[in-house]
């Protein structure tokens, strides 16, 4: 895998992290929606300049939020075609196979945890995170502390970068 660098969209974070590498999974743990929206929007704007960008929206609010031009939005809300574990995994993996080095903003780990439970959400994350690394996707995830320490500990074991 080559070491293509990406940007967070926020110069202080780029300086702190040294930029992003192809395959990086960055998990933000924050309960402050308004701050995370700024971080996520900066990542999306930077990602669109770099290439194909996907937002996986597990909540209605994320689905309805304005997105920069060039962001493809995947509807993973309850009741959608990709609202369940298998179809969602398969679709993200299909898109990564078609578009290596995809940038992905994943919005809604907490929602999946409410919908699927801890076991299925952990299984989802531990399947997708390595797949994203292998494909060279740069992915931002978000969770709140409400998701629980057990899940966050498992995330720590799998991901490249966990920011609390």
N, C-alpha and C. Protein backbone atom coordinates (compact mmCIF):
# COMPACT_ATOMS: atom_id res chain seq x y z
N UNK A 1 0.85 -1.17 0.00
CA UNK A 1 0.00 0.00 0.00
C UNK A 1 0.89 1.23 0.00
N UNK A 2 0.60 2.20 -0.88
CA UNK A 2 1.37 3.43 -0.90
C UNK A 2 0.94 4.33 0.24
N UNK A 3 1.76 5.34 0.52
CA UNK A 3 1.47 6.20 1.66
C UNK A 3 0.87 7.52 1.19
N UNK A 4 -0.21 7.47 0.45
CA UNK A 4 -0.92 8.66 0.03
C UNK A 4 -1.43 9.40 1.25
N UNK A 5 -1.12 10.68 1.33
CA UNK A 5 -1.55 11.48 2.47
C UNK A 5 -2.86 12.19 2.17
N UNK A 6 -3.71 12.20 3.16
CA UNK A 6 -4.95 12.96 3.08
C UNK A 6 -4.92 14.04 4.14
N UNK A 7 -5.92 14.86 4.13
CA UNK A 7 -6.02 15.94 5.10
C UNK A 7 -7.31 15.79 5.89
N UNK A 8 -7.25 16.27 7.12
CA UNK A 8 -8.45 16.29 7.95
C UNK A 8 -9.35 17.45 7.56
N UNK A 9 -8.78 18.44 6.89
CA UNK A 9 -9.52 19.67 6.59
C UNK A 9 -9.32 20.73 7.65
N UNK A 10 -8.64 20.38 8.73
CA UNK A 10 -8.34 21.31 9.82
C UNK A 10 -6.82 21.32 10.03
N UNK A 11 -6.12 22.38 9.58
CA UNK A 11 -4.65 22.40 9.66
C UNK A 11 -4.05 22.04 11.01
N UNK A 12 -4.62 22.47 12.16
CA UNK A 12 -4.02 22.05 13.44
C UNK A 12 -4.05 20.53 13.65
N UNK A 13 -5.14 19.88 13.21
CA UNK A 13 -5.21 18.42 13.32
C UNK A 13 -4.24 17.75 12.37
N UNK A 14 -4.11 18.30 11.16
CA UNK A 14 -3.14 17.75 10.22
C UNK A 14 -1.73 17.82 10.78
N UNK A 15 -1.42 18.94 11.42
CA UNK A 15 -0.09 19.09 12.02
C UNK A 15 0.10 18.09 13.16
N UNK A 16 -0.91 17.96 13.99
CA UNK A 16 -0.85 17.02 15.12
C UNK A 16 -0.71 15.57 14.65
N UNK A 17 -1.53 15.19 13.66
CA UNK A 17 -1.56 13.80 13.19
C UNK A 17 -0.53 13.51 12.09
N UNK A 18 0.03 14.56 11.50
CA UNK A 18 0.92 14.35 10.35
C UNK A 18 0.13 14.02 9.10
N UNK A 19 -1.12 14.46 9.04
CA UNK A 19 -1.99 14.12 7.91
C UNK A 19 -2.60 12.75 8.10
N UNK A 20 -3.30 12.30 7.11
CA UNK A 20 -3.95 10.99 7.15
C UNK A 20 -3.33 10.11 6.08
N UNK A 21 -3.19 8.84 6.37
CA UNK A 21 -2.66 7.87 5.41
C UNK A 21 -3.79 7.05 4.82
N UNK A 22 -3.59 6.59 3.60
CA UNK A 22 -4.55 5.68 2.99
C UNK A 22 -4.77 4.51 3.93
N UNK A 23 -6.03 4.22 4.21
CA UNK A 23 -6.38 3.13 5.11
C UNK A 23 -6.65 3.55 6.54
N UNK A 24 -6.40 4.83 6.87
CA UNK A 24 -6.63 5.28 8.24
C UNK A 24 -8.11 5.25 8.60
N UNK A 25 -8.42 4.73 9.77
CA UNK A 25 -9.73 4.79 10.38
C UNK A 25 -9.58 5.68 11.60
N UNK A 26 -10.26 6.81 11.60
CA UNK A 26 -10.19 7.75 12.71
C UNK A 26 -11.54 7.74 13.40
N UNK A 27 -11.54 7.38 14.68
CA UNK A 27 -12.78 7.34 15.44
C UNK A 27 -12.78 8.51 16.42
N UNK A 28 -13.77 9.36 16.27
CA UNK A 28 -13.96 10.50 17.16
C UNK A 28 -14.98 10.10 18.21
N UNK A 29 -14.61 10.24 19.48
CA UNK A 29 -15.53 9.98 20.58
C UNK A 29 -15.87 11.33 21.19
N UNK A 30 -17.08 11.79 20.92
CA UNK A 30 -17.50 13.10 21.42
C UNK A 30 -19.00 13.12 21.60
N UNK A 31 -19.42 13.80 22.67
CA UNK A 31 -20.84 13.98 22.93
C UNK A 31 -21.32 15.34 22.44
N UNK A 32 -20.43 16.13 21.86
CA UNK A 32 -20.77 17.49 21.42
C UNK A 32 -21.03 17.51 19.93
N UNK A 33 -22.29 17.44 19.58
CA UNK A 33 -22.69 17.40 18.17
C UNK A 33 -22.17 18.59 17.38
N UNK A 34 -22.34 19.80 17.92
CA UNK A 34 -21.98 21.00 17.17
C UNK A 34 -20.49 21.04 16.84
N UNK A 35 -19.64 20.58 17.72
CA UNK A 35 -18.19 20.55 17.44
C UNK A 35 -17.86 19.49 16.40
N UNK A 36 -18.49 18.34 16.55
CA UNK A 36 -18.18 17.28 15.60
C UNK A 36 -18.66 17.62 14.19
N UNK A 37 -19.77 18.31 14.07
CA UNK A 37 -20.26 18.71 12.74
C UNK A 37 -19.20 19.54 12.03
N UNK A 38 -18.52 20.43 12.75
CA UNK A 38 -17.45 21.25 12.15
C UNK A 38 -16.32 20.34 11.65
N UNK A 39 -15.91 19.38 12.48
CA UNK A 39 -14.84 18.44 12.12
C UNK A 39 -15.25 17.61 10.91
N UNK A 40 -16.47 17.10 10.92
CA UNK A 40 -16.95 16.24 9.83
C UNK A 40 -17.07 17.02 8.52
N UNK A 41 -17.60 18.23 8.58
CA UNK A 41 -17.75 19.04 7.37
C UNK A 41 -16.38 19.40 6.78
N UNK A 42 -15.40 19.69 7.64
CA UNK A 42 -14.05 19.99 7.15
C UNK A 42 -13.45 18.76 6.46
N UNK A 43 -13.66 17.58 7.05
CA UNK A 43 -13.17 16.34 6.44
C UNK A 43 -13.83 16.11 5.08
N UNK A 44 -15.15 16.29 5.01
CA UNK A 44 -15.85 16.09 3.74
C UNK A 44 -15.33 17.06 2.67
N UNK A 45 -15.17 18.32 3.02
CA UNK A 45 -14.70 19.32 2.04
C UNK A 45 -13.30 18.97 1.54
N UNK A 46 -12.43 18.55 2.44
CA UNK A 46 -11.08 18.15 2.05
C UNK A 46 -11.09 16.88 1.22
N UNK A 47 -11.95 15.94 1.59
CA UNK A 47 -12.03 14.65 0.89
C UNK A 47 -12.51 14.81 -0.54
N UNK A 48 -13.51 15.66 -0.75
CA UNK A 48 -14.05 15.87 -2.09
C UNK A 48 -12.96 16.41 -3.02
N UNK A 49 -12.10 17.27 -2.51
CA UNK A 49 -10.99 17.79 -3.33
C UNK A 49 -10.02 16.66 -3.71
N UNK A 50 -9.89 15.67 -2.84
CA UNK A 50 -8.95 14.57 -3.06
C UNK A 50 -9.52 13.49 -3.98
N UNK A 51 -10.83 13.29 -3.95
CA UNK A 51 -11.41 12.25 -4.78
C UNK A 51 -12.78 11.81 -4.30
N UNK A 52 -13.21 10.61 -4.71
CA UNK A 52 -14.54 10.12 -4.36
C UNK A 52 -14.76 10.07 -2.84
N UNK A 53 -15.94 10.54 -2.44
CA UNK A 53 -16.26 10.65 -1.01
C UNK A 53 -17.67 10.12 -0.77
N UNK A 54 -17.80 9.33 0.29
CA UNK A 54 -19.06 8.70 0.66
C UNK A 54 -19.40 9.06 2.09
N UNK A 55 -20.65 9.42 2.33
CA UNK A 55 -21.15 9.55 3.69
C UNK A 55 -22.16 8.46 3.92
N UNK A 56 -21.94 7.67 4.95
CA UNK A 56 -22.89 6.64 5.36
C UNK A 56 -23.75 7.25 6.46
N UNK A 57 -25.02 7.46 6.17
CA UNK A 57 -25.93 8.15 7.10
C UNK A 57 -26.87 7.14 7.74
N UNK A 58 -26.67 6.90 9.05
CA UNK A 58 -27.51 5.95 9.78
C UNK A 58 -28.67 6.64 10.48
N UNK A 59 -28.65 7.97 10.51
CA UNK A 59 -29.73 8.72 11.16
C UNK A 59 -30.43 9.61 10.13
N UNK A 60 -31.67 9.91 10.39
CA UNK A 60 -32.43 10.79 9.50
C UNK A 60 -31.77 12.18 9.44
N UNK A 61 -31.29 12.69 10.58
CA UNK A 61 -30.65 14.01 10.62
C UNK A 61 -29.42 14.04 9.72
N UNK A 62 -28.60 12.99 9.76
CA UNK A 62 -27.41 12.93 8.91
C UNK A 62 -27.79 12.83 7.44
N UNK A 63 -28.84 12.12 7.16
CA UNK A 63 -29.31 11.97 5.79
C UNK A 63 -29.81 13.30 5.22
N UNK A 64 -30.46 14.09 6.06
CA UNK A 64 -31.07 15.34 5.61
C UNK A 64 -30.13 16.54 5.67
N UNK A 65 -28.98 16.41 6.37
CA UNK A 65 -28.03 17.51 6.48
C UNK A 65 -27.45 17.85 5.11
N UNK A 66 -27.18 19.12 4.87
CA UNK A 66 -26.57 19.54 3.60
C UNK A 66 -25.17 18.94 3.49
N UNK A 67 -24.81 18.53 2.28
CA UNK A 67 -23.51 17.92 2.02
C UNK A 67 -22.81 18.72 0.93
N UNK A 68 -21.47 18.80 1.00
CA UNK A 68 -20.76 19.47 -0.09
C UNK A 68 -21.01 18.74 -1.42
N UNK A 69 -20.97 19.48 -2.50
CA UNK A 69 -21.09 18.87 -3.83
C UNK A 69 -20.02 17.81 -3.97
N UNK A 70 -20.39 16.68 -4.55
CA UNK A 70 -19.44 15.60 -4.76
C UNK A 70 -19.47 14.50 -3.71
N UNK A 71 -20.25 14.70 -2.64
CA UNK A 71 -20.37 13.67 -1.60
C UNK A 71 -21.55 12.77 -1.96
N UNK A 72 -21.29 11.48 -2.09
CA UNK A 72 -22.33 10.49 -2.33
C UNK A 72 -22.85 10.05 -0.97
N UNK A 73 -24.15 10.05 -0.76
CA UNK A 73 -24.73 9.70 0.53
C UNK A 73 -25.41 8.34 0.43
N UNK A 74 -25.03 7.44 1.33
CA UNK A 74 -25.63 6.11 1.42
C UNK A 74 -26.63 6.10 2.57
N UNK A 75 -27.88 5.84 2.27
CA UNK A 75 -28.94 5.81 3.26
C UNK A 75 -28.90 4.48 4.01
N UNK A 76 -28.45 4.55 5.27
CA UNK A 76 -28.40 3.36 6.13
C UNK A 76 -29.35 3.53 7.32
N UNK A 77 -30.39 4.34 7.13
CA UNK A 77 -31.36 4.55 8.20
C UNK A 77 -32.23 3.30 8.36
N UNK A 78 -32.88 3.21 9.51
CA UNK A 78 -33.77 2.07 9.78
C UNK A 78 -34.81 1.99 8.68
N UNK A 79 -35.04 0.82 8.16
CA UNK A 79 -36.03 0.61 7.12
C UNK A 79 -35.53 0.82 5.71
N UNK A 80 -34.31 1.35 5.54
CA UNK A 80 -33.76 1.53 4.20
C UNK A 80 -33.18 0.21 3.70
N UNK A 81 -32.81 0.16 2.43
CA UNK A 81 -32.20 -1.05 1.86
C UNK A 81 -30.91 -1.44 2.57
N UNK A 82 -30.22 -0.47 3.16
CA UNK A 82 -28.93 -0.74 3.80
C UNK A 82 -28.99 -0.52 5.31
N UNK A 83 -30.15 -0.64 5.89
CA UNK A 83 -30.33 -0.44 7.32
C UNK A 83 -29.96 -1.63 8.18
N UNK A 84 -29.65 -2.76 7.55
CA UNK A 84 -29.30 -3.99 8.29
C UNK A 84 -27.83 -4.34 8.07
N UNK A 85 -27.29 -5.12 8.99
CA UNK A 85 -25.88 -5.48 9.01
C UNK A 85 -25.37 -6.00 7.66
N UNK A 86 -25.92 -7.07 7.16
CA UNK A 86 -25.41 -7.70 5.94
C UNK A 86 -25.43 -6.80 4.72
N UNK A 87 -26.59 -6.23 4.37
CA UNK A 87 -26.63 -5.35 3.21
C UNK A 87 -25.71 -4.14 3.33
N UNK A 88 -25.59 -3.58 4.55
CA UNK A 88 -24.72 -2.41 4.72
C UNK A 88 -23.26 -2.78 4.53
N UNK A 89 -22.82 -3.86 5.15
CA UNK A 89 -21.43 -4.33 4.97
C UNK A 89 -21.15 -4.60 3.50
N UNK A 90 -22.03 -5.33 2.87
CA UNK A 90 -21.83 -5.71 1.47
C UNK A 90 -21.74 -4.48 0.56
N UNK A 91 -22.61 -3.49 0.79
CA UNK A 91 -22.62 -2.31 -0.07
C UNK A 91 -21.36 -1.47 0.13
N UNK A 92 -20.93 -1.28 1.37
CA UNK A 92 -19.70 -0.51 1.60
C UNK A 92 -18.51 -1.24 0.98
N UNK A 93 -18.42 -2.54 1.17
CA UNK A 93 -17.31 -3.30 0.59
C UNK A 93 -17.36 -3.27 -0.94
N UNK A 94 -18.55 -3.31 -1.52
CA UNK A 94 -18.68 -3.21 -2.98
C UNK A 94 -18.16 -1.86 -3.46
N UNK A 95 -18.55 -0.81 -2.78
CA UNK A 95 -18.10 0.53 -3.18
C UNK A 95 -16.58 0.69 -3.03
N UNK A 96 -16.02 0.11 -1.99
CA UNK A 96 -14.57 0.20 -1.81
C UNK A 96 -13.83 -0.59 -2.88
N UNK A 97 -14.40 -1.70 -3.34
CA UNK A 97 -13.78 -2.49 -4.40
C UNK A 97 -13.79 -1.73 -5.72
N UNK A 98 -14.89 -1.03 -5.98
CA UNK A 98 -15.03 -0.26 -7.22
C UNK A 98 -14.18 1.01 -7.17
N UNK A 99 -14.07 1.61 -5.98
CA UNK A 99 -13.37 2.88 -5.81
C UNK A 99 -12.36 2.77 -4.68
N UNK A 100 -11.17 2.21 -4.96
CA UNK A 100 -10.15 2.17 -3.91
C UNK A 100 -9.80 3.60 -3.48
N UNK A 101 -9.37 3.72 -2.27
CA UNK A 101 -8.97 5.01 -1.69
C UNK A 101 -10.14 5.98 -1.52
N UNK A 102 -11.31 5.42 -1.36
CA UNK A 102 -12.52 6.19 -1.09
C UNK A 102 -12.37 6.88 0.26
N UNK A 103 -12.87 8.09 0.39
CA UNK A 103 -12.98 8.74 1.70
C UNK A 103 -14.40 8.50 2.19
N UNK A 104 -14.52 8.13 3.47
CA UNK A 104 -15.83 7.77 4.02
C UNK A 104 -16.05 8.50 5.33
N UNK A 105 -17.21 9.11 5.46
CA UNK A 105 -17.66 9.67 6.73
C UNK A 105 -18.81 8.79 7.19
N UNK A 106 -18.61 8.11 8.31
CA UNK A 106 -19.62 7.20 8.83
C UNK A 106 -20.33 7.88 9.99
N UNK A 107 -21.59 8.20 9.82
CA UNK A 107 -22.36 8.93 10.83
C UNK A 107 -23.40 7.99 11.43
N UNK A 108 -23.21 7.62 12.71
CA UNK A 108 -24.28 6.88 13.36
C UNK A 108 -23.94 5.59 14.06
N UNK A 109 -22.73 5.44 14.59
CA UNK A 109 -22.43 4.22 15.34
C UNK A 109 -23.39 4.05 16.52
N UNK A 110 -23.68 5.14 17.22
CA UNK A 110 -24.62 5.05 18.34
C UNK A 110 -26.00 4.59 17.88
N UNK A 111 -26.42 5.09 16.72
CA UNK A 111 -27.72 4.68 16.18
C UNK A 111 -27.73 3.18 15.87
N UNK A 112 -26.64 2.70 15.26
CA UNK A 112 -26.57 1.26 14.98
C UNK A 112 -26.59 0.46 16.27
N UNK A 113 -25.92 0.96 17.30
CA UNK A 113 -25.90 0.27 18.58
C UNK A 113 -27.32 0.19 19.17
N UNK A 114 -28.08 1.26 19.06
CA UNK A 114 -29.48 1.24 19.54
C UNK A 114 -30.31 0.26 18.71
N UNK A 115 -30.08 0.26 17.42
CA UNK A 115 -30.87 -0.55 16.49
C UNK A 115 -30.47 -2.02 16.53
N UNK A 116 -29.19 -2.29 16.52
CA UNK A 116 -28.69 -3.66 16.39
C UNK A 116 -28.24 -4.29 17.70
N UNK A 117 -27.87 -3.47 18.69
CA UNK A 117 -27.29 -3.98 19.93
C UNK A 117 -25.77 -4.01 19.85
N UNK A 118 -25.13 -4.15 21.03
CA UNK A 118 -23.66 -4.11 21.13
C UNK A 118 -22.97 -5.17 20.29
N UNK A 119 -23.47 -6.39 20.35
CA UNK A 119 -22.79 -7.49 19.67
C UNK A 119 -22.73 -7.27 18.17
N UNK A 120 -23.85 -6.92 17.57
CA UNK A 120 -23.90 -6.74 16.11
C UNK A 120 -23.13 -5.49 15.68
N UNK A 121 -23.18 -4.41 16.48
CA UNK A 121 -22.45 -3.19 16.14
C UNK A 121 -20.95 -3.44 16.24
N UNK A 122 -20.52 -4.16 17.25
CA UNK A 122 -19.10 -4.50 17.38
C UNK A 122 -18.67 -5.38 16.21
N UNK A 123 -19.50 -6.34 15.85
CA UNK A 123 -19.19 -7.21 14.71
C UNK A 123 -19.08 -6.38 13.42
N UNK A 124 -19.97 -5.42 13.25
CA UNK A 124 -19.92 -4.54 12.08
C UNK A 124 -18.61 -3.76 12.05
N UNK A 125 -18.27 -3.12 13.15
CA UNK A 125 -17.06 -2.30 13.18
C UNK A 125 -15.81 -3.15 12.96
N UNK A 126 -15.74 -4.30 13.61
CA UNK A 126 -14.54 -5.13 13.48
C UNK A 126 -14.44 -5.80 12.11
N UNK A 127 -15.52 -5.86 11.37
CA UNK A 127 -15.46 -6.32 9.97
C UNK A 127 -15.05 -5.17 9.05
N UNK A 128 -15.69 -4.01 9.23
CA UNK A 128 -15.50 -2.91 8.29
C UNK A 128 -14.14 -2.22 8.44
N UNK A 129 -13.69 -2.02 9.64
CA UNK A 129 -12.45 -1.28 9.87
C UNK A 129 -11.27 -1.93 9.12
N UNK A 130 -11.03 -3.23 9.25
CA UNK A 130 -9.94 -3.84 8.48
C UNK A 130 -10.18 -3.80 6.97
N UNK A 131 -11.43 -3.93 6.55
CA UNK A 131 -11.74 -3.84 5.11
C UNK A 131 -11.38 -2.46 4.58
N UNK A 132 -11.66 -1.44 5.36
CA UNK A 132 -11.35 -0.07 4.96
C UNK A 132 -9.84 0.14 4.90
N UNK A 133 -9.14 -0.41 5.88
CA UNK A 133 -7.68 -0.34 5.87
C UNK A 133 -7.12 -1.00 4.62
N UNK A 134 -7.59 -2.20 4.31
CA UNK A 134 -7.11 -2.94 3.13
C UNK A 134 -7.38 -2.20 1.83
N UNK A 135 -8.52 -1.54 1.72
CA UNK A 135 -8.87 -0.86 0.47
C UNK A 135 -8.20 0.50 0.34
N UNK A 136 -7.61 0.99 1.42
CA UNK A 136 -7.00 2.31 1.39
C UNK A 136 -7.98 3.43 1.66
N UNK A 137 -9.19 3.10 2.11
CA UNK A 137 -10.18 4.13 2.43
C UNK A 137 -9.73 4.91 3.66
N UNK A 138 -9.92 6.21 3.63
CA UNK A 138 -9.73 7.04 4.81
C UNK A 138 -11.12 7.27 5.38
N UNK A 139 -11.32 6.83 6.62
CA UNK A 139 -12.66 6.83 7.20
C UNK A 139 -12.70 7.55 8.53
N UNK A 140 -13.70 8.41 8.67
CA UNK A 140 -14.03 9.05 9.95
C UNK A 140 -15.26 8.36 10.49
N UNK A 141 -15.19 7.97 11.75
CA UNK A 141 -16.31 7.39 12.48
C UNK A 141 -16.61 8.31 13.65
N UNK A 142 -17.82 8.25 14.16
CA UNK A 142 -18.14 9.00 15.36
C UNK A 142 -18.96 8.14 16.30
N UNK A 143 -18.59 8.21 17.58
CA UNK A 143 -19.36 7.56 18.64
C UNK A 143 -19.43 8.52 19.82
N UNK A 144 -20.43 8.35 20.65
CA UNK A 144 -20.49 9.10 21.89
C UNK A 144 -20.13 8.14 23.03
N UNK A 145 -19.91 8.68 24.19
CA UNK A 145 -19.58 7.84 25.34
C UNK A 145 -20.77 6.95 25.74
N UNK A 146 -21.96 7.33 25.32
CA UNK A 146 -23.15 6.52 25.64
C UNK A 146 -23.07 5.12 25.04
N UNK A 147 -22.25 4.95 24.02
CA UNK A 147 -22.14 3.64 23.38
C UNK A 147 -21.50 2.61 24.32
N UNK A 148 -20.79 3.10 25.34
CA UNK A 148 -20.28 2.22 26.39
C UNK A 148 -18.81 1.91 26.30
N UNK A 149 -18.20 1.68 27.45
CA UNK A 149 -16.75 1.43 27.51
C UNK A 149 -16.34 0.12 26.84
N UNK A 150 -17.19 -0.89 26.85
CA UNK A 150 -16.85 -2.16 26.20
C UNK A 150 -16.65 -1.99 24.71
N UNK A 151 -17.57 -1.28 24.08
CA UNK A 151 -17.44 -1.04 22.64
C UNK A 151 -16.20 -0.19 22.36
N UNK A 152 -16.00 0.87 23.13
CA UNK A 152 -14.85 1.75 22.90
C UNK A 152 -13.53 1.02 23.09
N UNK A 153 -13.48 0.10 24.04
CA UNK A 153 -12.26 -0.69 24.23
C UNK A 153 -11.99 -1.57 23.01
N UNK A 154 -13.03 -2.15 22.47
CA UNK A 154 -12.87 -2.98 21.25
C UNK A 154 -12.43 -2.11 20.07
N UNK A 155 -12.97 -0.90 19.97
CA UNK A 155 -12.55 0.03 18.93
C UNK A 155 -11.06 0.33 19.06
N UNK A 156 -10.62 0.59 20.30
CA UNK A 156 -9.20 0.87 20.56
C UNK A 156 -8.30 -0.25 20.04
N UNK A 157 -8.76 -1.47 20.12
CA UNK A 157 -7.97 -2.62 19.71
C UNK A 157 -7.89 -2.77 18.20
N UNK A 158 -8.84 -2.18 17.46
CA UNK A 158 -8.96 -2.41 16.03
C UNK A 158 -8.49 -1.22 15.19
N UNK A 159 -8.74 -0.02 15.65
CA UNK A 159 -8.55 1.15 14.80
C UNK A 159 -7.15 1.76 14.92
N UNK A 160 -6.81 2.58 13.94
CA UNK A 160 -5.52 3.25 13.93
C UNK A 160 -5.49 4.48 14.83
N UNK A 161 -6.63 5.14 14.98
CA UNK A 161 -6.66 6.43 15.68
C UNK A 161 -8.00 6.62 16.38
N UNK A 162 -7.96 6.77 17.70
CA UNK A 162 -9.16 7.05 18.49
C UNK A 162 -8.92 8.36 19.20
N UNK A 163 -9.76 9.34 18.92
CA UNK A 163 -9.62 10.67 19.52
C UNK A 163 -10.79 10.92 20.45
N UNK A 164 -10.48 11.16 21.72
CA UNK A 164 -11.53 11.43 22.71
C UNK A 164 -11.46 12.89 23.13
